[in-house]
Amino acid sequence: MPTEARDARARVFRSTRAFLAYLVVQAIFLCGATLLLWRSAGWDWLTIAMAAFTVAIGGGSLAEAVRTRVELEPEALRIRTLWGQRRIPRGELRTVRAERGAPPAVQLTDGTWVRLPSLGKHVARAVREWLEGPPSMRGGDGGGL
């Protein structure tokens, strides 16, 4: 593939298939537990609470994992979560920091920090390499570090 075509595409980081499979299994177990409660006790308060828990935790965590991603576009960093998205132009990014036990974060030129979703250790390294990329890829005034 030519370099120009490869560079024009966004590099996308999302939850792994193994993590998604784990969440599907978790949702299946929660549904099974709800079904067992319903068969043994009918629709009492515990069954209703378990059904609500199944929808909130099982469905919610799966929806969040599917929606959450970080995209490294040629001119911007795009962060998508279940609740919305944010696009940060490359020239507004100063640095990226990843400390042990904390999700990575990027610092903007105005000094504020923006947390990136926890999608693995490789995301911070990829964002750092993207920021330090060739000048033709930096856009704007050169941005980066």
N, C-alpha and C. Protein backbone atom coordinates (compact mmCIF):
# COMPACT_ATOMS: atom_id res chain seq x y z
N MET A 1 0.86 -1.18 0.00
CA MET A 1 0.00 0.00 0.00
C MET A 1 0.90 1.24 0.00
N PRO A 2 0.59 2.22 -0.83
CA PRO A 2 1.40 3.44 -0.86
C PRO A 2 1.37 4.16 0.48
N THR A 3 2.45 4.86 0.77
CA THR A 3 2.54 5.55 2.06
C THR A 3 1.47 6.61 2.21
N GLU A 4 1.16 7.34 1.13
CA GLU A 4 0.16 8.40 1.23
C GLU A 4 -1.20 7.83 1.63
N ALA A 5 -1.58 6.71 1.02
CA ALA A 5 -2.88 6.11 1.33
C ALA A 5 -2.89 5.58 2.77
N ARG A 6 -1.79 4.98 3.20
CA ARG A 6 -1.72 4.46 4.56
C ARG A 6 -1.76 5.59 5.58
N ASP A 7 -1.06 6.70 5.30
CA ASP A 7 -1.01 7.82 6.22
C ASP A 7 -2.35 8.56 6.29
N ALA A 8 -3.15 8.49 5.24
CA ALA A 8 -4.43 9.21 5.21
C ALA A 8 -5.48 8.53 6.09
N ARG A 9 -5.31 7.25 6.39
CA ARG A 9 -6.28 6.53 7.22
C ARG A 9 -5.99 6.77 8.69
N ALA A 10 -7.05 6.70 9.47
CA ALA A 10 -6.90 6.85 10.91
C ALA A 10 -6.43 5.52 11.51
N ARG A 11 -5.58 5.61 12.51
CA ARG A 11 -5.16 4.44 13.27
C ARG A 11 -6.10 4.34 14.46
N VAL A 12 -6.79 3.21 14.61
CA VAL A 12 -7.85 3.07 15.59
C VAL A 12 -7.45 2.07 16.67
N PHE A 13 -7.69 2.46 17.93
CA PHE A 13 -7.45 1.58 19.08
C PHE A 13 -8.78 1.38 19.79
N ARG A 14 -9.16 0.12 20.00
CA ARG A 14 -10.42 -0.21 20.68
C ARG A 14 -10.21 -1.41 21.57
N SER A 15 -11.25 -1.80 22.26
CA SER A 15 -11.18 -2.96 23.15
C SER A 15 -10.85 -4.21 22.35
N THR A 16 -10.11 -5.12 22.97
CA THR A 16 -9.72 -6.35 22.30
C THR A 16 -10.91 -7.30 22.18
N ARG A 17 -10.82 -8.23 21.27
CA ARG A 17 -11.88 -9.23 21.11
C ARG A 17 -12.00 -10.11 22.34
N ALA A 18 -10.89 -10.39 22.98
CA ALA A 18 -10.93 -11.21 24.20
C ALA A 18 -11.73 -10.50 25.29
N PHE A 19 -11.52 -9.20 25.44
CA PHE A 19 -12.27 -8.44 26.44
C PHE A 19 -13.75 -8.40 26.09
N LEU A 20 -14.07 -8.22 24.81
CA LEU A 20 -15.47 -8.23 24.39
C LEU A 20 -16.10 -9.59 24.64
N ALA A 21 -15.36 -10.66 24.39
CA ALA A 21 -15.87 -12.01 24.65
C ALA A 21 -16.13 -12.20 26.14
N TYR A 22 -15.23 -11.70 26.97
CA TYR A 22 -15.43 -11.77 28.41
C TYR A 22 -16.71 -11.05 28.82
N LEU A 23 -16.96 -9.88 28.25
CA LEU A 23 -18.18 -9.13 28.59
C LEU A 23 -19.44 -9.85 28.11
N VAL A 24 -19.36 -10.51 26.97
CA VAL A 24 -20.51 -11.28 26.48
C VAL A 24 -20.79 -12.44 27.43
N VAL A 25 -19.76 -13.15 27.86
CA VAL A 25 -19.93 -14.25 28.82
C VAL A 25 -20.50 -13.72 30.13
N GLN A 26 -20.02 -12.59 30.59
CA GLN A 26 -20.54 -11.97 31.81
C GLN A 26 -22.03 -11.68 31.66
N ALA A 27 -22.44 -11.11 30.53
CA ALA A 27 -23.85 -10.80 30.30
C ALA A 27 -24.70 -12.08 30.26
N ILE A 28 -24.15 -13.14 29.67
CA ILE A 28 -24.88 -14.42 29.62
C ILE A 28 -25.08 -14.97 31.03
N PHE A 29 -24.05 -14.92 31.86
CA PHE A 29 -24.18 -15.39 33.24
C PHE A 29 -25.19 -14.55 34.03
N LEU A 30 -25.17 -13.25 33.82
CA LEU A 30 -26.14 -12.40 34.51
C LEU A 30 -27.57 -12.71 34.05
N CYS A 31 -27.75 -12.94 32.76
CA CYS A 31 -29.08 -13.33 32.26
C CYS A 31 -29.50 -14.67 32.86
N GLY A 32 -28.57 -15.61 32.94
CA GLY A 32 -28.88 -16.91 33.55
C GLY A 32 -29.27 -16.79 35.01
N ALA A 33 -28.56 -15.95 35.73
CA ALA A 33 -28.89 -15.75 37.14
C ALA A 33 -30.28 -15.12 37.29
N THR A 34 -30.59 -14.18 36.43
CA THR A 34 -31.91 -13.56 36.46
C THR A 34 -33.00 -14.58 36.15
N LEU A 35 -32.75 -15.42 35.15
CA LEU A 35 -33.71 -16.45 34.78
C LEU A 35 -33.93 -17.44 35.93
N LEU A 36 -32.85 -17.86 36.58
CA LEU A 36 -32.98 -18.78 37.72
C LEU A 36 -33.75 -18.14 38.87
N LEU A 37 -33.50 -16.88 39.15
CA LEU A 37 -34.27 -16.19 40.20
C LEU A 37 -35.75 -16.11 39.83
N TRP A 38 -36.03 -15.82 38.59
CA TRP A 38 -37.42 -15.71 38.15
C TRP A 38 -38.15 -17.05 38.25
N ARG A 39 -37.43 -18.15 37.87
CA ARG A 39 -38.06 -19.47 37.93
C ARG A 39 -38.30 -19.92 39.36
N SER A 40 -37.43 -19.52 40.28
CA SER A 40 -37.59 -19.98 41.66
C SER A 40 -38.51 -19.09 42.49
N ALA A 41 -38.50 -17.79 42.25
CA ALA A 41 -39.26 -16.88 43.12
C ALA A 41 -40.27 -16.02 42.38
N GLY A 42 -40.31 -16.10 41.05
CA GLY A 42 -41.23 -15.23 40.31
C GLY A 42 -40.68 -13.81 40.28
N TRP A 43 -41.58 -12.86 40.01
CA TRP A 43 -41.16 -11.47 39.91
C TRP A 43 -41.24 -10.77 41.26
N ASP A 44 -40.36 -11.13 42.18
CA ASP A 44 -40.29 -10.40 43.45
C ASP A 44 -39.24 -9.30 43.32
N TRP A 45 -38.99 -8.59 44.39
CA TRP A 45 -38.08 -7.44 44.33
C TRP A 45 -36.65 -7.84 43.97
N LEU A 46 -36.22 -9.03 44.41
CA LEU A 46 -34.86 -9.49 44.12
C LEU A 46 -34.69 -9.80 42.63
N THR A 47 -35.70 -10.42 42.03
CA THR A 47 -35.64 -10.73 40.60
C THR A 47 -35.64 -9.46 39.77
N ILE A 48 -36.46 -8.51 40.15
CA ILE A 48 -36.51 -7.23 39.43
C ILE A 48 -35.17 -6.49 39.57
N ALA A 49 -34.60 -6.51 40.76
CA ALA A 49 -33.30 -5.86 40.98
C ALA A 49 -32.21 -6.55 40.15
N MET A 50 -32.25 -7.88 40.09
CA MET A 50 -31.26 -8.62 39.30
C MET A 50 -31.43 -8.34 37.81
N ALA A 51 -32.67 -8.22 37.35
CA ALA A 51 -32.91 -7.90 35.94
C ALA A 51 -32.37 -6.50 35.61
N ALA A 52 -32.60 -5.55 36.50
CA ALA A 52 -32.08 -4.20 36.29
C ALA A 52 -30.55 -4.21 36.30
N PHE A 53 -29.97 -4.97 37.22
CA PHE A 53 -28.51 -5.09 37.30
C PHE A 53 -27.96 -5.71 36.01
N THR A 54 -28.66 -6.71 35.48
CA THR A 54 -28.22 -7.37 34.25
C THR A 54 -28.20 -6.39 33.09
N VAL A 55 -29.25 -5.59 32.97
CA VAL A 55 -29.31 -4.62 31.87
C VAL A 55 -28.24 -3.54 32.05
N ALA A 56 -28.14 -3.02 33.27
CA ALA A 56 -27.21 -1.91 33.53
C ALA A 56 -25.75 -2.36 33.39
N ILE A 57 -25.40 -3.44 34.06
CA ILE A 57 -24.00 -3.88 34.06
C ILE A 57 -23.66 -4.70 32.82
N GLY A 58 -24.46 -5.69 32.53
CA GLY A 58 -24.18 -6.55 31.37
C GLY A 58 -24.26 -5.79 30.06
N GLY A 59 -25.38 -5.14 29.83
CA GLY A 59 -25.56 -4.41 28.58
C GLY A 59 -24.74 -3.13 28.51
N GLY A 60 -24.69 -2.42 29.63
CA GLY A 60 -23.96 -1.16 29.66
C GLY A 60 -22.48 -1.31 29.44
N SER A 61 -21.87 -2.28 30.11
CA SER A 61 -20.43 -2.47 29.95
C SER A 61 -20.09 -2.95 28.55
N LEU A 62 -20.94 -3.79 27.97
CA LEU A 62 -20.71 -4.24 26.60
C LEU A 62 -20.85 -3.08 25.61
N ALA A 63 -21.88 -2.25 25.79
CA ALA A 63 -22.06 -1.09 24.90
C ALA A 63 -20.89 -0.12 25.01
N GLU A 64 -20.41 0.11 26.23
CA GLU A 64 -19.28 1.02 26.41
C GLU A 64 -18.01 0.48 25.76
N ALA A 65 -17.76 -0.82 25.90
CA ALA A 65 -16.55 -1.41 25.32
C ALA A 65 -16.60 -1.38 23.79
N VAL A 66 -17.78 -1.54 23.21
CA VAL A 66 -17.90 -1.51 21.76
C VAL A 66 -17.72 -0.08 21.23
N ARG A 67 -18.22 0.90 21.94
CA ARG A 67 -18.20 2.29 21.48
C ARG A 67 -16.87 3.00 21.75
N THR A 68 -16.18 2.67 22.83
CA THR A 68 -14.98 3.39 23.24
C THR A 68 -13.82 3.08 22.30
N ARG A 69 -13.17 4.15 21.84
CA ARG A 69 -12.00 4.00 20.97
C ARG A 69 -11.20 5.29 20.93
N VAL A 70 -9.96 5.16 20.50
CA VAL A 70 -9.08 6.31 20.25
C VAL A 70 -8.65 6.21 18.80
N GLU A 71 -8.82 7.28 18.06
CA GLU A 71 -8.46 7.31 16.65
C GLU A 71 -7.37 8.36 16.43
N LEU A 72 -6.30 7.94 15.78
CA LEU A 72 -5.23 8.86 15.41
C LEU A 72 -5.41 9.20 13.94
N GLU A 73 -6.07 10.30 13.68
CA GLU A 73 -6.28 10.77 12.31
C GLU A 73 -5.05 11.57 11.89
N PRO A 74 -4.87 11.82 10.61
CA PRO A 74 -3.70 12.59 10.18
C PRO A 74 -3.59 13.97 10.84
N GLU A 75 -4.71 14.66 11.06
CA GLU A 75 -4.66 16.01 11.61
C GLU A 75 -5.18 16.14 13.03
N ALA A 76 -5.72 15.05 13.62
CA ALA A 76 -6.34 15.20 14.94
C ALA A 76 -6.38 13.87 15.68
N LEU A 77 -6.57 14.00 16.98
CA LEU A 77 -6.79 12.86 17.87
C LEU A 77 -8.28 12.86 18.20
N ARG A 78 -8.95 11.73 17.96
CA ARG A 78 -10.39 11.63 18.25
C ARG A 78 -10.58 10.60 19.35
N ILE A 79 -11.29 11.01 20.40
CA ILE A 79 -11.59 10.14 21.53
C ILE A 79 -13.09 9.91 21.53
N ARG A 80 -13.50 8.66 21.41
CA ARG A 80 -14.93 8.32 21.43
C ARG A 80 -15.22 7.48 22.65
N THR A 81 -16.27 7.86 23.37
CA THR A 81 -16.74 7.09 24.51
C THR A 81 -18.24 6.86 24.35
N LEU A 82 -18.81 6.17 25.30
CA LEU A 82 -20.25 5.91 25.27
C LEU A 82 -21.03 7.22 25.33
N TRP A 83 -20.49 8.22 25.98
CA TRP A 83 -21.21 9.46 26.24
C TRP A 83 -20.96 10.55 25.21
N GLY A 84 -20.03 10.34 24.29
CA GLY A 84 -19.77 11.37 23.29
C GLY A 84 -18.40 11.19 22.66
N GLN A 85 -17.96 12.23 21.97
CA GLN A 85 -16.65 12.19 21.34
C GLN A 85 -15.99 13.55 21.43
N ARG A 86 -14.68 13.53 21.32
CA ARG A 86 -13.91 14.78 21.35
C ARG A 86 -12.82 14.68 20.30
N ARG A 87 -12.70 15.71 19.50
CA ARG A 87 -11.66 15.78 18.47
C ARG A 87 -10.70 16.89 18.86
N ILE A 88 -9.43 16.52 19.00
CA ILE A 88 -8.40 17.48 19.40
C ILE A 88 -7.41 17.61 18.24
N PRO A 89 -7.32 18.81 17.63
CA PRO A 89 -6.37 19.00 16.54
C PRO A 89 -4.93 18.74 17.01
N ARG A 90 -4.13 18.23 16.12
CA ARG A 90 -2.76 17.86 16.44
C ARG A 90 -1.95 19.02 17.00
N GLY A 91 -2.18 20.22 16.48
CA GLY A 91 -1.44 21.39 16.93
C GLY A 91 -1.76 21.80 18.36
N GLU A 92 -2.88 21.34 18.92
CA GLU A 92 -3.25 21.68 20.30
C GLU A 92 -2.70 20.70 21.33
N LEU A 93 -2.02 19.64 20.89
CA LEU A 93 -1.47 18.64 21.79
C LEU A 93 -0.01 18.95 22.10
N ARG A 94 0.32 18.91 23.38
CA ARG A 94 1.70 19.17 23.79
C ARG A 94 2.45 17.88 24.05
N THR A 95 1.91 17.01 24.91
CA THR A 95 2.60 15.78 25.28
C THR A 95 1.59 14.74 25.73
N VAL A 96 2.07 13.52 25.87
CA VAL A 96 1.25 12.42 26.38
C VAL A 96 1.99 11.80 27.56
N ARG A 97 1.22 11.40 28.57
CA ARG A 97 1.82 10.80 29.76
C ARG A 97 1.08 9.53 30.11
N ALA A 98 1.83 8.49 30.41
CA ALA A 98 1.26 7.22 30.87
C ALA A 98 2.03 6.78 32.09
N GLU A 99 1.39 6.81 33.23
CA GLU A 99 2.03 6.39 34.47
C GLU A 99 1.45 5.06 34.91
N ARG A 100 2.23 4.30 35.62
CA ARG A 100 1.80 2.99 36.09
C ARG A 100 0.56 3.12 36.97
N GLY A 101 -0.46 2.35 36.64
CA GLY A 101 -1.68 2.33 37.43
C GLY A 101 -2.69 3.41 37.07
N ALA A 102 -2.40 4.21 36.07
CA ALA A 102 -3.32 5.29 35.66
C ALA A 102 -3.49 5.24 34.15
N PRO A 103 -4.67 5.63 33.66
CA PRO A 103 -4.85 5.66 32.21
C PRO A 103 -4.00 6.76 31.58
N PRO A 104 -3.63 6.61 30.32
CA PRO A 104 -2.84 7.65 29.67
C PRO A 104 -3.64 8.95 29.55
N ALA A 105 -2.91 10.05 29.45
CA ALA A 105 -3.54 11.36 29.29
C ALA A 105 -2.68 12.20 28.37
N VAL A 106 -3.33 13.12 27.67
CA VAL A 106 -2.61 14.06 26.81
C VAL A 106 -2.74 15.45 27.39
N GLN A 107 -1.67 16.22 27.28
CA GLN A 107 -1.69 17.60 27.75
C GLN A 107 -1.87 18.51 26.55
N LEU A 108 -2.80 19.45 26.68
CA LEU A 108 -3.05 20.40 25.61
C LEU A 108 -2.11 21.59 25.75
N THR A 109 -2.03 22.41 24.73
CA THR A 109 -1.13 23.56 24.76
C THR A 109 -1.54 24.59 25.81
N ASP A 110 -2.82 24.59 26.22
CA ASP A 110 -3.25 25.52 27.28
C ASP A 110 -2.98 24.96 28.68
N GLY A 111 -2.36 23.78 28.77
CA GLY A 111 -1.99 23.21 30.06
C GLY A 111 -2.98 22.22 30.65
N THR A 112 -4.17 22.10 30.08
CA THR A 112 -5.15 21.15 30.62
C THR A 112 -4.81 19.74 30.18
N TRP A 113 -5.27 18.77 30.99
CA TRP A 113 -5.04 17.36 30.70
C TRP A 113 -6.34 16.70 30.29
N VAL A 114 -6.28 15.81 29.31
CA VAL A 114 -7.43 15.06 28.85
C VAL A 114 -7.09 13.58 28.97
N ARG A 115 -7.89 12.85 29.76
CA ARG A 115 -7.65 11.41 29.92
C ARG A 115 -8.08 10.65 28.68
N LEU A 116 -7.27 9.68 28.31
CA LEU A 116 -7.61 8.78 27.22
C LEU A 116 -8.27 7.54 27.82
N PRO A 117 -9.14 6.88 27.09
CA PRO A 117 -9.74 5.64 27.60
C PRO A 117 -8.66 4.59 27.86
N SER A 118 -8.89 3.74 28.83
CA SER A 118 -7.95 2.66 29.15
C SER A 118 -8.11 1.55 28.13
N LEU A 119 -7.28 1.56 27.12
CA LEU A 119 -7.35 0.55 26.06
C LEU A 119 -6.04 -0.21 25.90
N GLY A 120 -5.16 -0.09 26.86
CA GLY A 120 -3.88 -0.80 26.82
C GLY A 120 -2.70 0.15 26.86
N LYS A 121 -1.54 -0.44 27.18
CA LYS A 121 -0.31 0.35 27.29
C LYS A 121 0.17 0.89 25.95
N HIS A 122 -0.18 0.21 24.88
CA HIS A 122 0.32 0.58 23.56
C HIS A 122 -0.30 1.88 23.04
N VAL A 123 -1.41 2.33 23.59
CA VAL A 123 -2.07 3.54 23.10
C VAL A 123 -1.20 4.78 23.36
N ALA A 124 -0.68 4.90 24.56
CA ALA A 124 0.16 6.07 24.88
C ALA A 124 1.40 6.11 24.00
N ARG A 125 2.01 4.95 23.79
CA ARG A 125 3.20 4.91 22.93
C ARG A 125 2.85 5.31 21.49
N ALA A 126 1.72 4.83 21.00
CA ALA A 126 1.31 5.17 19.63
C ALA A 126 0.99 6.65 19.50
N VAL A 127 0.34 7.24 20.51
CA VAL A 127 0.04 8.67 20.46
C VAL A 127 1.35 9.47 20.50
N ARG A 128 2.30 9.05 21.32
CA ARG A 128 3.59 9.74 21.39
C ARG A 128 4.31 9.66 20.04
N GLU A 129 4.32 8.49 19.41
CA GLU A 129 4.96 8.35 18.10
C GLU A 129 4.24 9.19 17.05
N TRP A 130 2.91 9.24 17.15
CA TRP A 130 2.11 10.04 16.21
C TRP A 130 2.43 11.53 16.37
N LEU A 131 2.59 11.98 17.64
CA LEU A 131 2.94 13.39 17.89
C LEU A 131 4.32 13.73 17.37
N GLU A 132 5.25 12.78 17.50
CA GLU A 132 6.63 13.02 17.09
C GLU A 132 6.85 12.65 15.62
N GLY A 133 5.77 12.37 14.90
CA GLY A 133 5.86 11.95 13.50
C GLY A 133 6.57 12.96 12.62
N PRO A 134 6.71 12.62 11.34
CA PRO A 134 7.39 13.53 10.42
C PRO A 134 6.66 14.87 10.32
N PRO A 135 7.37 15.96 10.08
CA PRO A 135 6.75 17.28 10.02
C PRO A 135 5.59 17.36 9.04
N SER A 136 5.65 16.61 7.96
CA SER A 136 4.54 16.63 6.98
C SER A 136 3.26 16.09 7.59
N MET A 137 3.36 15.27 8.64
CA MET A 137 2.19 14.68 9.27
C MET A 137 1.70 15.50 10.46
N ARG A 138 2.46 16.47 10.92
CA ARG A 138 2.09 17.21 12.11
C ARG A 138 0.95 18.19 11.88
N GLY A 139 0.90 18.77 10.72
CA GLY A 139 -0.16 19.72 10.44
C GLY A 139 0.03 21.01 11.22
N GLY A 140 -0.66 22.05 10.82
CA GLY A 140 -0.63 23.33 11.55
C GLY A 140 0.77 23.89 11.65
N ASP A 141 1.15 24.30 12.86
CA ASP A 141 2.44 24.97 13.09
C ASP A 141 3.54 23.98 13.47
N GLY A 142 3.33 22.70 13.26
CA GLY A 142 4.34 21.71 13.63
C GLY A 142 3.90 20.95 14.84
N GLY A 143 3.13 21.56 15.74
CA GLY A 143 2.55 20.90 16.91
C GLY A 143 3.51 19.96 17.59
N GLY A 144 2.95 19.01 18.29
CA GLY A 144 3.77 17.98 18.93
C GLY A 144 4.54 18.51 20.11
N LEU A 145 5.70 17.90 20.30
CA LEU A 145 6.49 18.22 21.48
C LEU A 145 7.31 19.43 21.25
